[in-house]
């Protein structure tokens, strides 16, 4: 179970692997690898709430967008 003080805003599974990405109100992005049972956090990529997230169709790229219209690839 993943718990944070802020609310999750969006979650998406990798198109081919057992990897879940979660985006949070404060700009944090977390990955959960279901095979290795490993959780990783990425802080500082966004400074505000991450509102959008999408994998490329082959799963090689991830794009995120926040509420102040900043996009990260």
Protein backbone atom coordinates (compact mmCIF):
# COMPACT_ATOMS: atom_id res chain seq x y z
CA UNK A 1 0.00 0.00 0.00
CA UNK A 2 1.26 3.48 -0.91
CA UNK A 3 0.35 6.29 1.51
CA UNK A 4 1.15 9.98 1.35
CA UNK A 5 -0.09 13.09 3.16
CA UNK A 6 -1.37 14.45 -0.18
CA UNK A 7 -3.99 13.01 -2.51
CA UNK A 8 -3.10 10.90 -5.55
CA UNK A 9 -4.16 12.79 -8.67
CA UNK A 10 -3.57 10.19 -11.36
CA UNK A 11 -2.28 6.64 -11.73
CA UNK A 12 -1.33 4.65 -14.79
CA UNK A 13 0.14 1.18 -15.48
CA UNK A 14 3.03 0.71 -17.90
CA UNK A 15 1.68 -0.68 -21.20
CA UNK A 16 3.88 -3.80 -21.06
CA UNK A 17 5.46 -4.12 -17.61
CA UNK A 18 4.05 -4.40 -14.10
CA UNK A 19 4.98 -0.83 -13.18
CA UNK A 20 2.47 1.61 -11.71
CA UNK A 21 3.09 5.36 -11.78
CA UNK A 22 1.24 7.61 -9.31
CA UNK A 23 1.19 11.42 -9.36
CA UNK A 24 0.45 13.43 -6.23
CA UNK A 25 -0.90 16.85 -5.29
CA UNK A 26 2.47 18.23 -4.21
CA UNK A 27 4.24 17.32 -7.45
CA UNK A 28 5.72 14.01 -6.29
CA UNK A 29 5.75 11.08 -8.69
CA UNK A 30 6.10 7.52 -7.41
CA UNK A 31 6.70 4.25 -9.22
CA UNK A 32 5.73 0.83 -7.95
CA UNK A 33 7.39 -2.18 -9.58
CA UNK A 34 5.08 -5.09 -8.88
CA UNK A 35 7.69 -7.68 -9.84
CA UNK A 36 10.40 -6.48 -7.45
CA UNK A 37 7.93 -4.95 -4.92
CA UNK A 38 10.03 -1.77 -5.01
CA UNK A 39 8.69 1.77 -4.50
CA UNK A 40 10.63 4.78 -5.77
CA UNK A 41 9.80 8.47 -5.29
CA UNK A 42 10.74 11.38 -7.53
CA UNK A 43 10.53 14.81 -5.95
CA UNK A 44 11.34 18.08 -7.70
CA UNK A 45 10.30 17.12 -11.22
CA UNK A 46 7.14 19.21 -10.74
CA UNK A 47 6.62 21.91 -8.11
CA UNK A 48 2.81 21.75 -8.25
CA UNK A 49 0.08 19.14 -8.59
CA UNK A 50 0.68 16.70 -11.44
CA UNK A 51 -2.63 16.56 -13.29
CA UNK A 52 -1.81 14.45 -16.36
CA UNK A 53 0.34 11.44 -17.10
CA UNK A 54 0.70 9.19 -20.14
CA UNK A 55 3.05 6.46 -21.40
CA UNK A 56 4.09 6.24 -25.06
CA UNK A 57 2.46 3.26 -26.76
CA UNK A 58 5.63 1.16 -26.50
CA UNK A 59 6.35 2.26 -22.90
CA UNK A 60 9.71 3.90 -23.59
CA UNK A 61 8.64 7.45 -22.68
CA UNK A 62 6.53 8.98 -19.94
CA UNK A 63 5.02 12.45 -20.18
CA UNK A 64 3.61 14.37 -17.22
CA UNK A 65 1.86 17.72 -16.95
CA UNK A 66 1.07 19.87 -13.96
CA UNK A 67 -1.58 22.45 -13.10
CA UNK A 68 0.61 25.40 -14.15
CA UNK A 69 0.94 23.87 -17.64
CA UNK A 70 4.53 22.62 -17.33
CA UNK A 71 5.17 19.42 -19.25
CA UNK A 72 8.03 16.98 -18.54
CA UNK A 73 9.13 14.07 -20.72
